C-alpha atoms as a PDB file:
ATOM      1  CA  MET A   1     -77.652-177.146 106.697  1.00  0.00           C
ATOM      2  CA  LYS A   2     -74.102-176.055 107.061  1.00  0.00           C
ATOM      3  CA  LYS A   3     -74.209-174.514 110.359  1.00  0.00           C
ATOM      4  CA  GLY A   4     -76.246-175.616 113.513  1.00  0.00           C
ATOM      5  CA  LEU A   5     -76.681-175.355 117.083  1.00  0.00           C
ATOM      6  CA  SER A   6     -77.485-178.287 119.659  1.00  0.00           C
ATOM      7  CA  ILE A   7     -78.920-177.262 123.002  1.00  0.00           C
ATOM      8  CA  THR A   8     -79.657-179.399 125.891  1.00  0.00           C
ATOM      9  CA  ARG A   9     -82.017-177.994 128.664  1.00  0.00           C
ATOM     10  CA  ALA A  10     -83.195-179.394 131.993  1.00  0.00           C
ATOM     11  CA  PRO A  11     -86.990-179.455 132.128  1.00  0.00           C
ATOM     12  CA  TYR A  12     -87.645-176.815 134.843  1.00  0.00           C
ATOM     13  CA  PRO A  13     -90.691-174.592 134.853  1.00  0.00           C
ATOM     14  CA  ASP A  14     -88.495-171.290 135.010  1.00  0.00           C
ATOM     15  CA  ASN A  15     -86.285-172.662 132.246  1.00  0.00           C
ATOM     16  CA  ASN A  16     -88.655-172.833 129.216  1.00  0.00           C
ATOM     17  CA  GLU A  17     -87.395-169.848 126.909  1.00  0.00           C
ATOM     18  CA  LEU A  18     -84.622-169.643 124.423  1.00  0.00           C
ATOM     19  CA  PHE A  19     -83.551-166.523 122.612  1.00  0.00           C
ATOM     20  CA  PHE A  20     -81.769-166.768 119.225  1.00  0.00           C
ATOM     21  CA  PHE A  21     -80.354-163.888 117.356  1.00  0.00           C
ATOM     22  CA  ILE A  22     -79.797-164.870 113.754  1.00  0.00           C
ATOM     23  CA  GLU A  23     -77.816-162.723 111.219  1.00  0.00           C
ATOM     24  CA  ASP A  24     -79.345-162.732 107.793  1.00  0.00           C
ATOM     25  CA  SER A  25     -77.145-162.263 104.594  1.00  0.00           C
ATOM     26  CA  ASN A  26     -77.644-158.327 104.635  1.00  0.00           C
ATOM     27  CA  GLY A  27     -76.095-158.322 108.179  1.00  0.00           C
ATOM     28  CA  SER A  28     -79.445-157.615 110.014  1.00  0.00           C
ATOM     29  CA  ILE A  29     -80.096-159.362 113.224  1.00  0.00           C
ATOM     30  CA  ILE A  30     -83.354-161.334 113.630  1.00  0.00           C
ATOM     31  CA  PRO A  31     -84.447-162.002 117.021  1.00  0.00           C
ATOM     32  CA  ILE A  32     -86.190-165.417 117.595  1.00  0.00           C
ATOM     33  CA  LYS A  33     -87.946-166.543 120.768  1.00  0.00           C
ATOM     34  CA  GLN A  34     -88.682-170.300 121.408  1.00  0.00           C
ATOM     35  CA  THR A  35     -90.721-171.347 124.342  1.00  0.00           C
ATOM     36  CA  PHE A  36     -91.433-174.800 125.669  1.00  0.00           C
ATOM     37  CA  SER A  37     -95.057-174.534 126.940  1.00  0.00           C
ATOM     38  CA  SER A  38     -95.767-178.107 127.920  1.00  0.00           C
ATOM     39  CA  VAL A  39     -94.125-181.612 128.088  1.00  0.00           C
ATOM     40  CA  GLU A  40     -96.661-184.370 128.133  1.00  0.00           C
ATOM     41  CA  GLY A  41     -95.246-188.086 127.852  1.00  0.00           C
ATOM     42  CA  TYR A  42     -93.221-188.101 124.698  1.00  0.00           C
ATOM     43  CA  GLN A  43     -94.664-184.755 123.235  1.00  0.00           C
ATOM     44  CA  VAL A  44     -93.206-181.321 123.755  1.00  0.00           C
ATOM     45  CA  ARG A  45     -95.280-178.464 122.774  1.00  0.00           C
ATOM     46  CA  MET A  46     -93.135-175.362 121.719  1.00  0.00           C
ATOM     47  CA  ASN A  47     -93.984-171.892 120.370  1.00  0.00           C
ATOM     48  CA  ILE A  48     -91.646-169.909 118.047  1.00  0.00           C
ATOM     49  CA  GLU A  49     -91.942-166.147 117.829  1.00  0.00           C
ATOM     50  CA  ALA A  50     -90.275-163.954 115.201  1.00  0.00           C
ATOM     51  CA  PRO A  51     -90.853-160.566 113.454  1.00  0.00           C
ATOM     52  CA  GLU A  52     -93.705-160.548 111.024  1.00  0.00           C
ATOM     53  CA  SER A  53     -91.336-160.298 108.053  1.00  0.00           C
ATOM     54  CA  VAL A  54     -89.886-163.704 108.966  1.00  0.00           C
ATOM     55  CA  LYS A  55     -91.661-166.634 107.638  1.00  0.00           C
ATOM     56  CA  ILE A  56     -91.500-170.075 109.782  1.00  0.00           C
ATOM     57  CA  TYR A  57     -92.114-173.378 108.090  1.00  0.00           C
ATOM     58  CA  ARG A  58     -92.147-176.921 109.371  1.00  0.00           C
ATOM     59  CA  GLY A  59     -89.698-178.848 107.322  1.00  0.00           C
ATOM     60  CA  GLU A  60     -91.958-181.815 106.827  1.00  0.00           C
ATOM     61  CA  LEU A  61     -94.734-179.610 105.321  1.00  0.00           C
ATOM     62  CA  ILE A  62     -92.516-177.991 102.703  1.00  0.00           C
ATOM     63  CA  ASN A  63     -92.756-179.776  99.226  1.00  0.00           C
ATOM     64  CA  ARG A  64     -89.159-180.936  98.199  1.00  0.00           C
END
């Protein structure tokens, strides 16, 4: 990964959504919404929403 973003957020109930706008190689903007739905002990549950044309994979599940 050549470019990245690191964000720190306080765990407030009304502070649980992040919106990202990612530009693809064609110049199209892809909206991504990340929602933190719960924090239980050392686990954080989050949801990622993107257009249906965007595939989302967890890195550890991809065969390298």
